[in-house]
C-alpha atoms as a PDB file:
ATOM      1  CA  MET A   1    -185.968 183.088 100.167  1.00  0.00           C
ATOM      2  CA  PRO A   2    -189.089 182.131 102.102  1.00  0.00           C
ATOM      3  CA  ARG A   3    -190.845 184.926 103.990  1.00  0.00           C
ATOM      4  CA  ALA A   4    -190.384 183.172 107.350  1.00  0.00           C
ATOM      5  CA  THR A   5    -186.631 183.015 106.742  1.00  0.00           C
ATOM      6  CA  ARG A   6    -186.467 186.707 105.800  1.00  0.00           C
ATOM      7  CA  ASP A   7    -188.529 187.673 108.838  1.00  0.00           C
ATOM      8  CA  ARG A   8    -186.345 185.662 111.211  1.00  0.00           C
ATOM      9  CA  ILE A   9    -183.092 187.059 109.791  1.00  0.00           C
ATOM     10  CA  PHE A  10    -184.526 190.578 110.046  1.00  0.00           C
ATOM     11  CA  SER A  11    -185.511 189.943 113.663  1.00  0.00           C
ATOM     12  CA  LEU A  12    -182.055 188.603 114.544  1.00  0.00           C
ATOM     13  CA  PHE A  13    -180.450 191.530 112.704  1.00  0.00           C
ATOM     14  CA  THR A  14    -182.406 194.184 114.607  1.00  0.00           C
ATOM     15  CA  GLU A  15    -181.693 192.431 117.926  1.00  0.00           C
ATOM     16  CA  ARG A  16    -177.972 192.589 117.219  1.00  0.00           C
ATOM     17  CA  LEU A  17    -178.089 196.124 115.842  1.00  0.00           C
ATOM     18  CA  ARG A  18    -180.010 197.293 118.919  1.00  0.00           C
ATOM     19  CA  ALA A  19    -181.773 199.869 116.783  1.00  0.00           C
ATOM     20  CA  LYS A  20    -185.216 200.236 115.259  1.00  0.00           C
ATOM     21  CA  LEU A  21    -185.093 199.617 111.545  1.00  0.00           C
ATOM     22  CA  GLU A  22    -188.104 199.134 109.300  1.00  0.00           C
ATOM     23  CA  PRO A  23    -188.144 196.137 106.927  1.00  0.00           C
ATOM     24  CA  VAL A  24    -188.042 198.423 103.876  1.00  0.00           C
ATOM     25  CA  GLU A  25    -184.907 200.123 105.251  1.00  0.00           C
ATOM     26  CA  PHE A  26    -183.368 196.690 105.783  1.00  0.00           C
ATOM     27  CA  ARG A  27    -184.121 195.673 102.178  1.00  0.00           C
ATOM     28  CA  ASN A  28    -182.698 198.950 100.861  1.00  0.00           C
ATOM     29  CA  TRP A  29    -179.576 198.495 102.942  1.00  0.00           C
ATOM     30  CA  LEU A  30    -179.081 194.900 101.745  1.00  0.00           C
ATOM     31  CA  LYS A  31    -179.432 196.069  98.136  1.00  0.00           C
ATOM     32  CA  TYR A  32    -176.907 198.844  98.793  1.00  0.00           C
ATOM     33  CA  LEU A  33    -174.490 196.399 100.427  1.00  0.00           C
ATOM     34  CA  GLY A  34    -174.690 193.991  97.487  1.00  0.00           C
ATOM     35  CA  GLU A  35    -174.009 196.753  94.979  1.00  0.00           C
ATOM     36  CA  LEU A  36    -171.277 198.214  97.162  1.00  0.00           C
ATOM     37  CA  PHE A  37    -169.273 195.000  97.032  1.00  0.00           C
ATOM     38  CA  VAL A  38    -169.025 195.344  93.256  1.00  0.00           C
ATOM     39  CA  LYS A  39    -168.070 199.037  93.537  1.00  0.00           C
ATOM     40  CA  ILE A  40    -165.286 198.550  96.064  1.00  0.00           C
ATOM     41  CA  ARG A  41    -163.986 195.307  94.603  1.00  0.00           C
ATOM     42  CA  TYR A  42    -162.015 197.214  91.987  1.00  0.00           C
ATOM     43  CA  ALA A  43    -161.562 200.479  93.866  1.00  0.00           C
ATOM     44  CA  PHE A  44    -157.786 200.406  93.503  1.00  0.00           C
ATOM     45  CA  ASP A  45    -158.038 200.346  89.699  1.00  0.00           C
ATOM     46  CA  GLU A  46    -160.692 203.063  89.751  1.00  0.00           C
ATOM     47  CA  PHE A  47    -158.603 205.410  91.912  1.00  0.00           C
ATOM     48  CA  ARG A  48    -155.328 204.636  90.148  1.00  0.00           C
ATOM     49  CA  GLU A  49    -156.649 205.846  86.816  1.00  0.00           C
ATOM     50  CA  MET A  50    -158.607 208.810  88.181  1.00  0.00           C
ATOM     51  CA  PRO A  51    -157.371 212.369  87.520  1.00  0.00           C
ATOM     52  CA  ILE A  52    -156.183 214.080  90.729  1.00  0.00           C
ATOM     53  CA  GLU A  53    -159.043 216.601  90.669  1.00  0.00           C
ATOM     54  CA  GLU A  54    -161.642 213.844  90.493  1.00  0.00           C
ATOM     55  CA  TYR A  55    -159.860 211.891  93.239  1.00  0.00           C
ATOM     56  CA  GLU A  56    -159.810 214.953  95.523  1.00  0.00           C
ATOM     57  CA  ALA A  57    -163.533 215.532  94.881  1.00  0.00           C
ATOM     58  CA  LYS A  58    -164.276 211.882  95.777  1.00  0.00           C
ATOM     59  CA  VAL A  59    -162.254 212.160  98.995  1.00  0.00           C
ATOM     60  CA  LYS A  60    -164.234 215.289  99.896  1.00  0.00           C
ATOM     61  CA  THR A  61    -167.477 213.362  99.292  1.00  0.00           C
ATOM     62  CA  PHE A  62    -166.266 210.617 101.653  1.00  0.00           C
ATOM     63  CA  GLU A  63    -165.427 213.203 104.319  1.00  0.00           C
ATOM     64  CA  GLU A  64    -168.841 214.875 104.051  1.00  0.00           C
ATOM     65  CA  ALA A  65    -170.965 211.716 103.844  1.00  0.00           C
ATOM     66  CA  ALA A  66    -173.692 211.382 106.432  1.00  0.00           C
ATOM     67  CA  ALA A  67    -174.011 208.231 108.496  1.00  0.00           C
ATOM     68  CA  ASN A  68    -177.376 207.383 106.921  1.00  0.00           C
ATOM     69  CA  ASP A  69    -176.179 208.019 103.370  1.00  0.00           C
ATOM     70  CA  LEU A  70    -176.386 204.927 101.157  1.00  0.00           C
ATOM     71  CA  SER A  71    -173.757 206.046  98.659  1.00  0.00           C
ATOM     72  CA  ASP A  72    -170.373 204.466  98.077  1.00  0.00           C
ATOM     73  CA  ALA A  73    -168.950 207.284 100.233  1.00  0.00           C
ATOM     74  CA  SER A  74    -170.638 205.985 103.350  1.00  0.00           C
ATOM     75  CA  ILE A  75    -169.166 202.492 103.660  1.00  0.00           C
ATOM     76  CA  VAL A  76    -167.155 203.493 106.724  1.00  0.00           C
ATOM     77  CA  TYR A  77    -170.357 204.244 108.631  1.00  0.00           C
ATOM     78  CA  HIS A  78    -172.022 200.863 108.266  1.00  0.00           C
ATOM     79  CA  MET A  79    -169.724 198.464 110.122  1.00  0.00           C
ATOM     80  CA  ASP A  80    -172.332 198.066 112.885  1.00  0.00           C
ATOM     81  CA  ARG A  81    -174.955 196.975 110.340  1.00  0.00           C
ATOM     82  CA  PHE A  82    -172.526 194.645 108.609  1.00  0.00           C
ATOM     83  CA  GLU A  83    -171.556 192.994 111.903  1.00  0.00           C
ATOM     84  CA  ALA A  84    -175.237 192.711 112.903  1.00  0.00           C
ATOM     85  CA  LEU A  85    -176.048 191.050 109.576  1.00  0.00           C
ATOM     86  CA  VAL A  86    -173.202 188.551 109.820  1.00  0.00           C
ATOM     87  CA  GLY A  87    -174.209 187.767 113.418  1.00  0.00           C
ATOM     88  CA  ALA A  88    -177.843 187.315 112.384  1.00  0.00           C
ATOM     89  CA  LEU A  89    -176.900 184.970 109.562  1.00  0.00           C
ATOM     90  CA  HIS A  90    -174.707 182.902 111.889  1.00  0.00           C
ATOM     91  CA  ALA A  91    -177.480 182.727 114.493  1.00  0.00           C
ATOM     92  CA  TYR A  92    -180.081 181.779 111.883  1.00  0.00           C
ATOM     93  CA  THR A  93    -177.832 179.041 110.522  1.00  0.00           C
ATOM     94  CA  ASP A  94    -177.217 177.736 114.055  1.00  0.00           C
ATOM     95  CA  GLU A  95    -180.998 177.518 114.617  1.00  0.00           C
ATOM     96  CA  GLN A  96    -181.563 175.305 111.585  1.00  0.00           C
ATOM     97  CA  PRO A  97    -181.475 171.524 111.699  1.00  0.00           C
ATOM     98  CA  SER A  98    -178.247 170.184 110.247  1.00  0.00           C
ATOM     99  CA  GLY A  99    -178.121 170.656 106.469  1.00  0.00           C
ATOM    100  CA  ARG A 100    -181.261 172.853 106.284  1.00  0.00           C
ATOM    101  CA  ALA A 101    -179.813 176.414 106.232  1.00  0.00           C
END
C-alpha cells in the first residue's frame, strides 16, 4: 500500500481512537490482529479437543491478560482499536474518488 495511504489511515485511526499511538505500535497491532483472526477462527475446535487442565490454564491466562498484551488472551481488550480501524477504513474509502479506494 502506498505510504500516503498508510499515513492517512493511521491518522484517521488515531483520531477515532483518541489516543496517542506510534506508527510502529500501529503496525504491530495490525500484524497481531491479522494473526489473531486465524487463531480464533477455529477456536471451538481447539477448545473442544483440549484436555480440561489445559483449558483451565488458558482461561486463567485470559483472566490475567493485561490490556496492552498482544497475545491471543487479550482480544477482549482491543474492541476500541478494532472499531477505530474499521471507522478509519470507512472514512478513508469515503474520501477517495469513486472506484479509487
